[in-house]
PDB file of N, CA and C in Angstrom:
ATOM      1  N   MET A   1       1.770  -2.095 -19.929  1.00  0.00           N
ATOM      2  CA  MET A   1       0.486  -2.613 -19.550  1.00  0.00           C
ATOM      3  C   MET A   1       0.501  -4.130 -19.674  1.00  0.00           C
ATOM      4  N   LEU A   2      -0.148  -4.796 -18.754  1.00  0.00           N
ATOM      5  CA  LEU A   2      -0.239  -6.261 -18.802  1.00  0.00           C
ATOM      6  C   LEU A   2      -1.289  -6.679 -19.820  1.00  0.00           C
ATOM      7  N   SER A   3      -0.982  -7.684 -20.609  1.00  0.00           N
ATOM      8  CA  SER A   3      -1.970  -8.187 -21.553  1.00  0.00           C
ATOM      9  C   SER A   3      -3.065  -8.929 -20.785  1.00  0.00           C
ATOM     10  N   PRO A   4      -4.264  -9.029 -21.338  1.00  0.00           N
ATOM     11  CA  PRO A   4      -5.361  -9.710 -20.639  1.00  0.00           C
ATOM     12  C   PRO A   4      -5.052 -11.163 -20.255  1.00  0.00           C
ATOM     13  N   ASP A   5      -4.209 -11.822 -21.025  1.00  0.00           N
ATOM     14  CA  ASP A   5      -3.850 -13.212 -20.710  1.00  0.00           C
ATOM     15  C   ASP A   5      -3.039 -13.316 -19.421  1.00  0.00           C
ATOM     16  N   HIS A   6      -2.369 -12.244 -19.054  1.00  0.00           N
ATOM     17  CA  HIS A   6      -1.491 -12.264 -17.886  1.00  0.00           C
ATOM     18  C   HIS A   6      -2.080 -11.552 -16.670  1.00  0.00           C
ATOM     19  N   ARG A   7      -3.355 -11.176 -16.742  1.00  0.00           N
ATOM     20  CA  ARG A   7      -4.000 -10.494 -15.616  1.00  0.00           C
ATOM     21  C   ARG A   7      -4.711 -11.497 -14.726  1.00  0.00           C
ATOM     22  N   LEU A   8      -4.577 -11.292 -13.454  1.00  0.00           N
ATOM     23  CA  LEU A   8      -5.243 -12.124 -12.452  1.00  0.00           C
ATOM     24  C   LEU A   8      -6.521 -11.405 -12.031  1.00  0.00           C
ATOM     25  N   THR A   9      -7.674 -12.078 -12.194  1.00  0.00           N
ATOM     26  CA  THR A   9      -8.935 -11.392 -11.928  1.00  0.00           C
ATOM     27  C   THR A   9      -9.844 -12.100 -10.937  1.00  0.00           C
ATOM     28  N   ASP A  10      -9.715 -13.392 -10.767  1.00  0.00           N
ATOM     29  CA  ASP A  10     -10.659 -14.102  -9.900  1.00  0.00           C
ATOM     30  C   ASP A  10     -10.103 -14.299  -8.488  1.00  0.00           C
ATOM     31  N   ALA A  11     -10.994 -14.266  -7.525  1.00  0.00           N
ATOM     32  CA  ALA A  11     -10.611 -14.325  -6.104  1.00  0.00           C
ATOM     33  C   ALA A  11      -9.947 -15.648  -5.737  1.00  0.00           C
ATOM     34  N   ASP A  12     -10.350 -16.748  -6.347  1.00  0.00           N
ATOM     35  CA  ASP A  12      -9.745 -18.047  -6.031  1.00  0.00           C
ATOM     36  C   ASP A  12      -8.259 -18.076  -6.369  1.00  0.00           C
ATOM     37  N   SER A  13      -7.887 -17.448  -7.458  1.00  0.00           N
ATOM     38  CA  SER A  13      -6.472 -17.408  -7.830  1.00  0.00           C
ATOM     39  C   SER A  13      -5.669 -16.533  -6.879  1.00  0.00           C
ATOM     40  N   PHE A  14      -6.277 -15.439  -6.409  1.00  0.00           N
ATOM     41  CA  PHE A  14      -5.593 -14.605  -5.419  1.00  0.00           C
ATOM     42  C   PHE A  14      -5.343 -15.420  -4.149  1.00  0.00           C
ATOM     43  N   ARG A  15      -6.348 -16.198  -3.733  1.00  0.00           N
ATOM     44  CA  ARG A  15      -6.180 -17.036  -2.541  1.00  0.00           C
ATOM     45  C   ARG A  15      -5.123 -18.106  -2.756  1.00  0.00           C
ATOM     46  N   ALA A  16      -5.072 -18.686  -3.953  1.00  0.00           N
ATOM     47  CA  ALA A  16      -4.080 -19.721  -4.247  1.00  0.00           C
ATOM     48  C   ALA A  16      -2.665 -19.169  -4.131  1.00  0.00           C
ATOM     49  N   ALA A  17      -2.476 -17.934  -4.524  1.00  0.00           N
ATOM     50  CA  ALA A  17      -1.143 -17.343  -4.458  1.00  0.00           C
ATOM     51  C   ALA A  17      -0.696 -17.147  -3.017  1.00  0.00           C
ATOM     52  N   THR A  18      -1.622 -16.857  -2.115  1.00  0.00           N
ATOM     53  CA  THR A  18      -1.230 -16.624  -0.722  1.00  0.00           C
ATOM     54  C   THR A  18      -0.821 -17.915  -0.027  1.00  0.00           C
ATOM     55  N   ARG A  19      -1.111 -19.058  -0.635  1.00  0.00           N
ATOM     56  CA  ARG A  19      -0.669 -20.335  -0.066  1.00  0.00           C
ATOM     57  C   ARG A  19       0.721 -20.728  -0.573  1.00  0.00           C
ATOM     58  N   GLY A  20       1.296 -19.890  -1.416  1.00  0.00           N
ATOM     59  CA  GLY A  20       2.623 -20.172  -1.963  1.00  0.00           C
ATOM     60  C   GLY A  20       3.720 -19.480  -1.186  1.00  0.00           C
ATOM     61  N   ARG A  21       4.772 -19.144  -1.895  1.00  0.00           N
ATOM     62  CA  ARG A  21       5.924 -18.486  -1.272  1.00  0.00           C
ATOM     63  C   ARG A  21       5.665 -16.999  -1.127  1.00  0.00           C
ATOM     64  N   ARG A  22       6.298 -16.378  -0.122  1.00  0.00           N
ATOM     65  CA  ARG A  22       6.054 -14.975   0.190  1.00  0.00           C
ATOM     66  C   ARG A  22       7.369 -14.268   0.473  1.00  0.00           C
ATOM     67  N   SER A  23       7.445 -13.009   0.014  1.00  0.00           N
ATOM     68  CA  SER A  23       8.603 -12.177   0.300  1.00  0.00           C
ATOM     69  C   SER A  23       8.126 -10.739   0.450  1.00  0.00           C
ATOM     70  N   GLY A  24       8.758 -10.010   1.352  1.00  0.00           N
ATOM     71  CA  GLY A  24       8.324  -8.645   1.587  1.00  0.00           C
ATOM     72  C   GLY A  24       9.473  -7.665   1.613  1.00  0.00           C
ATOM     73  N   SER A  25       9.125  -6.408   1.437  1.00  0.00           N
ATOM     74  CA  SER A  25      10.077  -5.311   1.538  1.00  0.00           C
ATOM     75  C   SER A  25       9.371  -4.150   2.219  1.00  0.00           C
ATOM     76  N   ARG A  26      10.003  -3.005   2.236  1.00  0.00           N
ATOM     77  CA  ARG A  26       9.410  -1.840   2.883  1.00  0.00           C
ATOM     78  C   ARG A  26       8.171  -1.350   2.145  1.00  0.00           C
ATOM     79  N   THR A  27       8.119  -1.526   0.825  1.00  0.00           N
ATOM     80  CA  THR A  27       7.031  -0.956   0.031  1.00  0.00           C
ATOM     81  C   THR A  27       5.998  -1.961  -0.450  1.00  0.00           C
ATOM     82  N   LEU A  28       6.344  -3.256  -0.476  1.00  0.00           N
ATOM     83  CA  LEU A  28       5.384  -4.222  -0.999  1.00  0.00           C
ATOM     84  C   LEU A  28       5.647  -5.629  -0.488  1.00  0.00           C
ATOM     85  N   VAL A  29       4.639  -6.477  -0.684  1.00  0.00           N
ATOM     86  CA  VAL A  29       4.732  -7.895  -0.347  1.00  0.00           C
ATOM     87  C   VAL A  29       4.352  -8.669  -1.604  1.00  0.00           C
ATOM     88  N   VAL A  30       5.120  -9.705  -1.911  1.00  0.00           N
ATOM     89  CA  VAL A  30       4.894 -10.507  -3.116  1.00  0.00           C
ATOM     90  C   VAL A  30       4.590 -11.934  -2.707  1.00  0.00           C
ATOM     91  N   HIS A  31       3.526 -12.501  -3.295  1.00  0.00           N
ATOM     92  CA  HIS A  31       3.151 -13.898  -3.089  1.00  0.00           C
ATOM     93  C   HIS A  31       3.233 -14.604  -4.432  1.00  0.00           C
ATOM     94  N   LEU A  32       3.834 -15.786  -4.459  1.00  0.00           N
ATOM     95  CA  LEU A  32       3.920 -16.581  -5.684  1.00  0.00           C
ATOM     96  C   LEU A  32       3.339 -17.952  -5.409  1.00  0.00           C
ATOM     97  N   GLY A  33       2.339 -18.322  -6.164  1.00  0.00           N
ATOM     98  CA  GLY A  33       1.710 -19.631  -6.030  1.00  0.00           C
ATOM     99  C   GLY A  33       1.434 -20.198  -7.405  1.00  0.00           C
ATOM    100  N   THR A  34       0.740 -21.314  -7.433  1.00  0.00           N
ATOM    101  CA  THR A  34       0.342 -21.911  -8.700  1.00  0.00           C
ATOM    102  C   THR A  34      -1.162 -22.109  -8.698  1.00  0.00           C
ATOM    103  N   ALA A  35      -1.765 -21.860  -9.818  1.00  0.00           N
ATOM    104  CA  ALA A  35      -3.200 -22.067  -9.995  1.00  0.00           C
ATOM    105  C   ALA A  35      -3.424 -22.427 -11.453  1.00  0.00           C
ATOM    106  N   GLY A  36      -4.219 -23.423 -11.680  1.00  0.00           N
ATOM    107  CA  GLY A  36      -4.488 -23.830 -13.059  1.00  0.00           C
ATOM    108  C   GLY A  36      -3.595 -24.969 -13.491  1.00  0.00           C
ATOM    109  N   GLU A  37      -3.546 -25.150 -14.798  1.00  0.00           N
ATOM    110  CA  GLU A  37      -2.784 -26.255 -15.382  1.00  0.00           C
ATOM    111  C   GLU A  37      -1.423 -25.762 -15.844  1.00  0.00           C
ATOM    112  N   GLY A  38      -0.536 -26.685 -16.138  1.00  0.00           N
ATOM    113  CA  GLY A  38       0.830 -26.363 -16.507  1.00  0.00           C
ATOM    114  C   GLY A  38       0.979 -25.552 -17.772  1.00  0.00           C
ATOM    115  N   ASP A  39      -0.013 -25.588 -18.684  1.00  0.00           N
ATOM    116  CA  ASP A  39       0.107 -24.849 -19.935  1.00  0.00           C
ATOM    117  C   ASP A  39      -0.529 -23.466 -19.875  1.00  0.00           C
ATOM    118  N   ASP A  40      -1.078 -23.084 -18.717  1.00  0.00           N
ATOM    119  CA  ASP A  40      -1.638 -21.749 -18.552  1.00  0.00           C
ATOM    120  C   ASP A  40      -0.509 -20.726 -18.468  1.00  0.00           C
ATOM    121  N   PRO A  41      -0.724 -19.509 -18.971  1.00  0.00           N
ATOM    122  CA  PRO A  41       0.328 -18.490 -18.842  1.00  0.00           C
ATOM    123  C   PRO A  41       0.417 -17.981 -17.405  1.00  0.00           C
ATOM    124  N   ALA A  42       1.564 -17.437 -17.068  1.00  0.00           N
ATOM    125  CA  ALA A  42       1.736 -16.827 -15.750  1.00  0.00           C
ATOM    126  C   ALA A  42       0.823 -15.607 -15.659  1.00  0.00           C
ATOM    127  N   ARG A  43       0.233 -15.404 -14.477  1.00  0.00           N
ATOM    128  CA  ARG A  43      -0.675 -14.272 -14.290  1.00  0.00           C
ATOM    129  C   ARG A  43      -0.245 -13.459 -13.078  1.00  0.00           C
ATOM    130  N   ILE A  44      -0.544 -12.157 -13.139  1.00  0.00           N
ATOM    131  CA  ILE A  44      -0.137 -11.226 -12.086  1.00  0.00           C
ATOM    132  C   ILE A  44      -1.354 -10.431 -11.629  1.00  0.00           C
ATOM    133  N   GLY A  45      -1.485 -10.294 -10.304  1.00  0.00           N
ATOM    134  CA  GLY A  45      -2.552  -9.494  -9.727  1.00  0.00           C
ATOM    135  C   GLY A  45      -1.978  -8.473  -8.761  1.00  0.00           C
ATOM    136  N   LEU A  46      -2.648  -7.342  -8.644  1.00  0.00           N
ATOM    137  CA  LEU A  46      -2.206  -6.269  -7.763  1.00  0.00           C
ATOM    138  C   LEU A  46      -3.246  -6.012  -6.687  1.00  0.00           C
ATOM    139  N   VAL A  47      -2.788  -5.717  -5.485  1.00  0.00           N
ATOM    140  CA  VAL A  47      -3.657  -5.342  -4.377  1.00  0.00           C
ATOM    141  C   VAL A  47      -3.118  -4.025  -3.827  1.00  0.00           C
ATOM    142  N   VAL A  48      -3.929  -2.974  -3.964  1.00  0.00           N
ATOM    143  CA  VAL A  48      -3.554  -1.657  -3.456  1.00  0.00           C
ATOM    144  C   VAL A  48      -4.740  -1.148  -2.650  1.00  0.00           C
ATOM    145  N   SER A  49      -4.647  -1.239  -1.336  1.00  0.00           N
ATOM    146  CA  SER A  49      -5.776  -0.899  -0.474  1.00  0.00           C
ATOM    147  C   SER A  49      -5.832   0.590  -0.171  1.00  0.00           C
ATOM    148  N   LYS A  50      -6.884   1.002   0.498  1.00  0.00           N
ATOM    149  CA  LYS A  50      -7.052   2.408   0.877  1.00  0.00           C
ATOM    150  C   LYS A  50      -6.004   2.863   1.882  1.00  0.00           C
ATOM    151  N   ALA A  51      -5.329   1.927   2.526  1.00  0.00           N
ATOM    152  CA  ALA A  51      -4.266   2.298   3.459  1.00  0.00           C
ATOM    153  C   ALA A  51      -3.102   2.963   2.735  1.00  0.00           C
ATOM    154  N   VAL A  52      -2.980   2.722   1.437  1.00  0.00           N
ATOM    155  CA  VAL A  52      -1.895   3.310   0.655  1.00  0.00           C
ATOM    156  C   VAL A  52      -2.125   4.815   0.457  1.00  0.00           C
ATOM    157  N   GLY A  53      -3.370   5.214   0.288  1.00  0.00           N
ATOM    158  CA  GLY A  53      -3.657   6.637   0.084  1.00  0.00           C
ATOM    159  C   GLY A  53      -5.001   6.838  -0.577  1.00  0.00           C
ATOM    160  N   ASN A  54      -5.254   8.056  -1.013  1.00  0.00           N
ATOM    161  CA  ASN A  54      -6.520   8.339  -1.678  1.00  0.00           C
ATOM    162  C   ASN A  54      -6.514   7.756  -3.092  1.00  0.00           C
ATOM    163  N   ALA A  55      -7.582   7.960  -3.827  1.00  0.00           N
ATOM    164  CA  ALA A  55      -7.739   7.325  -5.137  1.00  0.00           C
ATOM    165  C   ALA A  55      -6.639   7.723  -6.115  1.00  0.00           C
ATOM    166  N   VAL A  56      -6.231   8.964  -6.072  1.00  0.00           N
ATOM    167  CA  VAL A  56      -5.184   9.428  -6.981  1.00  0.00           C
ATOM    168  C   VAL A  56      -3.869   8.714  -6.692  1.00  0.00           C
ATOM    169  N   VAL A  57      -3.525   8.603  -5.437  1.00  0.00           N
ATOM    170  CA  VAL A  57      -2.280   7.945  -5.040  1.00  0.00           C
ATOM    171  C   VAL A  57      -2.344   6.456  -5.358  1.00  0.00           C
ATOM    172  N   ARG A  58      -3.463   5.802  -5.035  1.00  0.00           N
ATOM    173  CA  ARG A  58      -3.598   4.367  -5.313  1.00  0.00           C
ATOM    174  C   ARG A  58      -3.479   4.079  -6.800  1.00  0.00           C
ATOM    175  N   ASN A  59      -4.106   4.889  -7.629  1.00  0.00           N
ATOM    176  CA  ASN A  59      -4.032   4.657  -9.073  1.00  0.00           C
ATOM    177  C   ASN A  59      -2.622   4.868  -9.602  1.00  0.00           C
ATOM    178  N   ARG A  60      -1.901   5.837  -9.060  1.00  0.00           N
ATOM    179  CA  ARG A  60      -0.510   6.051  -9.478  1.00  0.00           C
ATOM    180  C   ARG A  60       0.347   4.838  -9.107  1.00  0.00           C
ATOM    181  N   VAL A  61       0.148   4.319  -7.896  1.00  0.00           N
ATOM    182  CA  VAL A  61       0.905   3.140  -7.454  1.00  0.00           C
ATOM    183  C   VAL A  61       0.551   1.944  -8.331  1.00  0.00           C
ATOM    184  N   LYS A  62      -0.736   1.767  -8.647  1.00  0.00           N
ATOM    185  CA  LYS A  62      -1.147   0.642  -9.503  1.00  0.00           C
ATOM    186  C   LYS A  62      -0.539   0.748 -10.893  1.00  0.00           C
ATOM    187  N   ARG A  63      -0.548   1.933 -11.469  1.00  0.00           N
ATOM    188  CA  ARG A  63       0.047   2.109 -12.807  1.00  0.00           C
ATOM    189  C   ARG A  63       1.531   1.761 -12.792  1.00  0.00           C
ATOM    190  N   ARG A  64       2.231   2.233 -11.772  1.00  0.00           N
ATOM    191  CA  ARG A  64       3.659   1.932 -11.676  1.00  0.00           C
ATOM    192  C   ARG A  64       3.897   0.434 -11.520  1.00  0.00           C
ATOM    193  N   LEU A  65       3.143  -0.213 -10.635  1.00  0.00           N
ATOM    194  CA  LEU A  65       3.341  -1.647 -10.394  1.00  0.00           C
ATOM    195  C   LEU A  65       2.962  -2.477 -11.612  1.00  0.00           C
ATOM    196  N   ARG A  66       1.903  -2.094 -12.320  1.00  0.00           N
ATOM    197  CA  ARG A  66       1.523  -2.820 -13.536  1.00  0.00           C
ATOM    198  C   ARG A  66       2.639  -2.762 -14.558  1.00  0.00           C
ATOM    199  N   HIS A  67       3.212  -1.593 -14.733  1.00  0.00           N
ATOM    200  CA  HIS A  67       4.292  -1.433 -15.699  1.00  0.00           C
ATOM    201  C   HIS A  67       5.525  -2.229 -15.278  1.00  0.00           C
ATOM    202  N   LEU A  68       5.842  -2.201 -13.989  1.00  0.00           N
ATOM    203  CA  LEU A  68       7.012  -2.940 -13.506  1.00  0.00           C
ATOM    204  C   LEU A  68       6.792  -4.449 -13.546  1.00  0.00           C
ATOM    205  N   ALA A  69       5.579  -4.896 -13.221  1.00  0.00           N
ATOM    206  CA  ALA A  69       5.289  -6.331 -13.201  1.00  0.00           C
ATOM    207  C   ALA A  69       5.363  -6.933 -14.599  1.00  0.00           C
ATOM    208  N   ARG A  70       5.086  -6.136 -15.604  1.00  0.00           N
ATOM    209  CA  ARG A  70       5.136  -6.618 -16.984  1.00  0.00           C
ATOM    210  C   ARG A  70       6.518  -7.153 -17.326  1.00  0.00           C
ATOM    211  N   GLU A  71       7.554  -6.566 -16.738  1.00  0.00           N
ATOM    212  CA  GLU A  71       8.918  -7.005 -17.008  1.00  0.00           C
ATOM    213  C   GLU A  71       9.221  -8.381 -16.417  1.00  0.00           C
ATOM    214  N   HIS A  72       8.429  -8.832 -15.432  1.00  0.00           N
ATOM    215  CA  HIS A  72       8.709 -10.088 -14.743  1.00  0.00           C
ATOM    216  C   HIS A  72       7.870 -11.257 -15.249  1.00  0.00           C
ATOM    217  N   VAL A  73       6.961 -11.020 -16.185  1.00  0.00           N
ATOM    218  CA  VAL A  73       6.100 -12.101 -16.690  1.00  0.00           C
ATOM    219  C   VAL A  73       6.943 -13.191 -17.341  1.00  0.00           C
ATOM    220  N   GLY A  74       7.980 -12.816 -18.052  1.00  0.00           N
ATOM    221  CA  GLY A  74       8.808 -13.782 -18.770  1.00  0.00           C
ATOM    222  C   GLY A  74       9.603 -14.722 -17.880  1.00  0.00           C
ATOM    223  N   VAL A  75       9.917 -14.321 -16.665  1.00  0.00           N
ATOM    224  CA  VAL A  75      10.725 -15.167 -15.788  1.00  0.00           C
ATOM    225  C   VAL A  75       9.876 -16.070 -14.898  1.00  0.00           C
ATOM    226  N   LEU A  76       8.562 -15.865 -14.888  1.00  0.00           N
ATOM    227  CA  LEU A  76       7.689 -16.692 -14.052  1.00  0.00           C
ATOM    228  C   LEU A  76       7.427 -18.032 -14.721  1.00  0.00           C
ATOM    229  N   PRO A  77       7.407 -19.111 -13.938  1.00  0.00           N
ATOM    230  CA  PRO A  77       7.098 -20.413 -14.523  1.00  0.00           C
ATOM    231  C   PRO A  77       5.649 -20.472 -14.996  1.00  0.00           C
ATOM    232  N   GLY A  78       5.354 -21.405 -15.903  1.00  0.00           N
ATOM    233  CA  GLY A  78       3.994 -21.566 -16.407  1.00  0.00           C
ATOM    234  C   GLY A  78       3.010 -21.852 -15.292  1.00  0.00           C
ATOM    235  N   SER A  79       1.823 -21.332 -15.412  1.00  0.00           N
ATOM    236  CA  SER A  79       0.723 -21.445 -14.450  1.00  0.00           C
ATOM    237  C   SER A  79       1.026 -20.787 -13.110  1.00  0.00           C
ATOM    238  N   ALA A  80       2.059 -19.951 -13.050  1.00  0.00           N
ATOM    239  CA  ALA A  80       2.377 -19.243 -11.812  1.00  0.00           C
ATOM    240  C   ALA A  80       1.400 -18.093 -11.614  1.00  0.00           C
ATOM    241  N   VAL A  81       1.125 -17.813 -10.358  1.00  0.00           N
ATOM    242  CA  VAL A  81       0.262 -16.696  -9.989  1.00  0.00           C
ATOM    243  C   VAL A  81       1.067 -15.808  -9.050  1.00  0.00           C
ATOM    244  N   LEU A  82       1.296 -14.578  -9.469  1.00  0.00           N
ATOM    245  CA  LEU A  82       2.056 -13.618  -8.678  1.00  0.00           C
ATOM    246  C   LEU A  82       1.113 -12.521  -8.212  1.00  0.00           C
ATOM    247  N   VAL A  83       1.039 -12.324  -6.905  1.00  0.00           N
ATOM    248  CA  VAL A  83       0.220 -11.255  -6.336  1.00  0.00           C
ATOM    249  C   VAL A  83       1.161 -10.262  -5.672  1.00  0.00           C
ATOM    250  N   VAL A  84       1.022  -8.995  -6.058  1.00  0.00           N
ATOM    251  CA  VAL A  84       1.842  -7.921  -5.510  1.00  0.00           C
ATOM    252  C   VAL A  84       0.924  -7.035  -4.672  1.00  0.00           C
ATOM    253  N   ARG A  85       1.215  -6.954  -3.383  1.00  0.00           N
ATOM    254  CA  ARG A  85       0.412  -6.134  -2.470  1.00  0.00           C
ATOM    255  C   ARG A  85       1.236  -4.932  -2.053  1.00  0.00           C
ATOM    256  N   ALA A  86       0.713  -3.746  -2.351  1.00  0.00           N
ATOM    257  CA  ALA A  86       1.408  -2.509  -2.004  1.00  0.00           C
ATOM    258  C   ALA A  86       1.177  -2.173  -0.543  1.00  0.00           C
ATOM    259  N   LEU A  87       2.216  -1.726   0.118  1.00  0.00           N
ATOM    260  CA  LEU A  87       2.139  -1.267   1.503  1.00  0.00           C
ATOM    261  C   LEU A  87       2.062   0.262   1.504  1.00  0.00           C
ATOM    262  N   PRO A  88       1.646   0.866   2.613  1.00  0.00           N
ATOM    263  CA  PRO A  88       1.524   2.335   2.645  1.00  0.00           C
ATOM    264  C   PRO A  88       2.791   3.091   2.226  1.00  0.00           C
ATOM    265  N   ALA A  89       3.944   2.532   2.451  1.00  0.00           N
ATOM    266  CA  ALA A  89       5.195   3.205   2.056  1.00  0.00           C
ATOM    267  C   ALA A  89       5.334   3.334   0.542  1.00  0.00           C
ATOM    268  N   ALA A  90       4.582   2.545  -0.220  1.00  0.00           N
ATOM    269  CA  ALA A  90       4.646   2.622  -1.679  1.00  0.00           C
ATOM    270  C   ALA A  90       4.136   3.964  -2.196  1.00  0.00           C
ATOM    271  N   ALA A  91       3.290   4.627  -1.429  1.00  0.00           N
ATOM    272  CA  ALA A  91       2.721   5.908  -1.854  1.00  0.00           C
ATOM    273  C   ALA A  91       3.781   6.983  -1.998  1.00  0.00           C
ATOM    274  N   THR A  92       4.792   6.946  -1.173  1.00  0.00           N
ATOM    275  CA  THR A  92       5.823   7.984  -1.204  1.00  0.00           C
ATOM    276  C   THR A  92       7.115   7.510  -1.867  1.00  0.00           C
ATOM    277  N   SER A  93       7.131   6.294  -2.355  1.00  0.00           N
ATOM    278  CA  SER A  93       8.339   5.750  -2.984  1.00  0.00           C
ATOM    279  C   SER A  93       8.415   6.172  -4.442  1.00  0.00           C
ATOM    280  N   SER A  94       9.629   6.288  -4.924  1.00  0.00           N
ATOM    281  CA  SER A  94       9.833   6.625  -6.328  1.00  0.00           C
ATOM    282  C   SER A  94       9.665   5.370  -7.186  1.00  0.00           C
ATOM    283  N   TYR A  95       9.598   5.603  -8.482  1.00  0.00           N
ATOM    284  CA  TYR A  95       9.477   4.502  -9.435  1.00  0.00           C
ATOM    285  C   TYR A  95      10.672   3.553  -9.307  1.00  0.00           C
ATOM    286  N   ASP A  96      11.855   4.111  -9.172  1.00  0.00           N
ATOM    287  CA  ASP A  96      13.063   3.283  -9.072  1.00  0.00           C
ATOM    288  C   ASP A  96      13.085   2.457  -7.790  1.00  0.00           C
ATOM    289  N   GLU A  97      12.603   3.025  -6.681  1.00  0.00           N
ATOM    290  CA  GLU A  97      12.538   2.265  -5.439  1.00  0.00           C
ATOM    291  C   GLU A  97      11.572   1.092  -5.566  1.00  0.00           C
ATOM    292  N   LEU A  98      10.440   1.329  -6.202  1.00  0.00           N
ATOM    293  CA  LEU A  98       9.485   0.236  -6.417  1.00  0.00           C
ATOM    294  C   LEU A  98      10.081  -0.834  -7.328  1.00  0.00           C
ATOM    295  N   ARG A  99      10.805  -0.406  -8.360  1.00  0.00           N
ATOM    296  CA  ARG A  99      11.422  -1.364  -9.283  1.00  0.00           C
ATOM    297  C   ARG A  99      12.435  -2.258  -8.561  1.00  0.00           C
ATOM    298  N   VAL A 100      13.261  -1.667  -7.733  1.00  0.00           N
ATOM    299  CA  VAL A 100      14.272  -2.432  -6.993  1.00  0.00           C
ATOM    300  C   VAL A 100      13.598  -3.391  -6.009  1.00  0.00           C
ATOM    301  N   ASP A 101      12.590  -2.908  -5.272  1.00  0.00           N
ATOM    302  CA  ASP A 101      11.899  -3.758  -4.303  1.00  0.00           C
ATOM    303  C   ASP A 101      11.176  -4.913  -4.982  1.00  0.00           C
ATOM    304  N   LEU A 102      10.520  -4.637  -6.112  1.00  0.00           N
ATOM    305  CA  LEU A 102       9.804  -5.704  -6.812  1.00  0.00           C
ATOM    306  C   LEU A 102      10.774  -6.741  -7.358  1.00  0.00           C
ATOM    307  N   ALA A 103      11.866  -6.300  -7.943  1.00  0.00           N
ATOM    308  CA  ALA A 103      12.854  -7.238  -8.489  1.00  0.00           C
ATOM    309  C   ALA A 103      13.449  -8.115  -7.374  1.00  0.00           C
ATOM    310  N   ARG A 104      13.741  -7.506  -6.234  1.00  0.00           N
ATOM    311  CA  ARG A 104      14.325  -8.260  -5.113  1.00  0.00           C
ATOM    312  C   ARG A 104      13.318  -9.300  -4.600  1.00  0.00           C
ATOM    313  N   CYS A 105      12.061  -8.886  -4.423  1.00  0.00           N
ATOM    314  CA  CYS A 105      11.058  -9.804  -3.882  1.00  0.00           C
ATOM    315  C   CYS A 105      10.739 -10.934  -4.858  1.00  0.00           C
ATOM    316  N   VAL A 106      10.642 -10.622  -6.149  1.00  0.00           N
ATOM    317  CA  VAL A 106      10.378 -11.672  -7.138  1.00  0.00           C
ATOM    318  C   VAL A 106      11.537 -12.642  -7.176  1.00  0.00           C
ATOM    319  N   GLY A 107      12.757 -12.139  -7.101  1.00  0.00           N
ATOM    320  CA  GLY A 107      13.928 -13.013  -7.081  1.00  0.00           C
ATOM    321  C   GLY A 107      13.936 -13.952  -5.885  1.00  0.00           C
ATOM    322  N   ARG A 108      13.435 -13.497  -4.760  1.00  0.00           N
ATOM    323  CA  ARG A 108      13.397 -14.347  -3.557  1.00  0.00           C
ATOM    324  C   ARG A 108      12.356 -15.448  -3.644  1.00  0.00           C
ATOM    325  N   VAL A 109      11.218 -15.183  -4.285  1.00  0.00           N
ATOM    326  CA  VAL A 109      10.147 -16.193  -4.293  1.00  0.00           C
ATOM    327  C   VAL A 109      10.273 -17.184  -5.432  1.00  0.00           C
ATOM    328  N   LEU A 110      11.083 -16.877  -6.432  1.00  0.00           N
ATOM    329  CA  LEU A 110      11.258 -17.838  -7.524  1.00  0.00           C
ATOM    330  C   LEU A 110      12.031 -19.058  -7.034  1.00  0.00           C
ATOM    331  N   PRO A 111      11.622 -20.235  -7.502  1.00  0.00           N
ATOM    332  CA  PRO A 111      12.319 -21.455  -7.059  1.00  0.00           C
ATOM    333  C   PRO A 111      13.717 -21.568  -7.638  1.00  0.00           C
TER     334      PRO A 111
END
């Protein structure tokens, strides 16, 4: 689970991330931007729309992505904002497929 300090909650920060670097895969799209000051902790936000599936499927995808994103907080630079958007293919993907896709996309957007 992501700690409250590392959660992205406000809409302005989500918008700031979309102005940064972007990388995509079959199951998700990752945006990395900066918002705030240099001493702020890195924050992560998730976007899982109804296109992914019904409420049960969306919540399962969110739980998996939250757990996987927690592993990447340490490698993000200070004040970084990472937004992970799930695509419909994420609904049928396994945990390991999501882990590989997230790691690949985060690696591409890091400077």
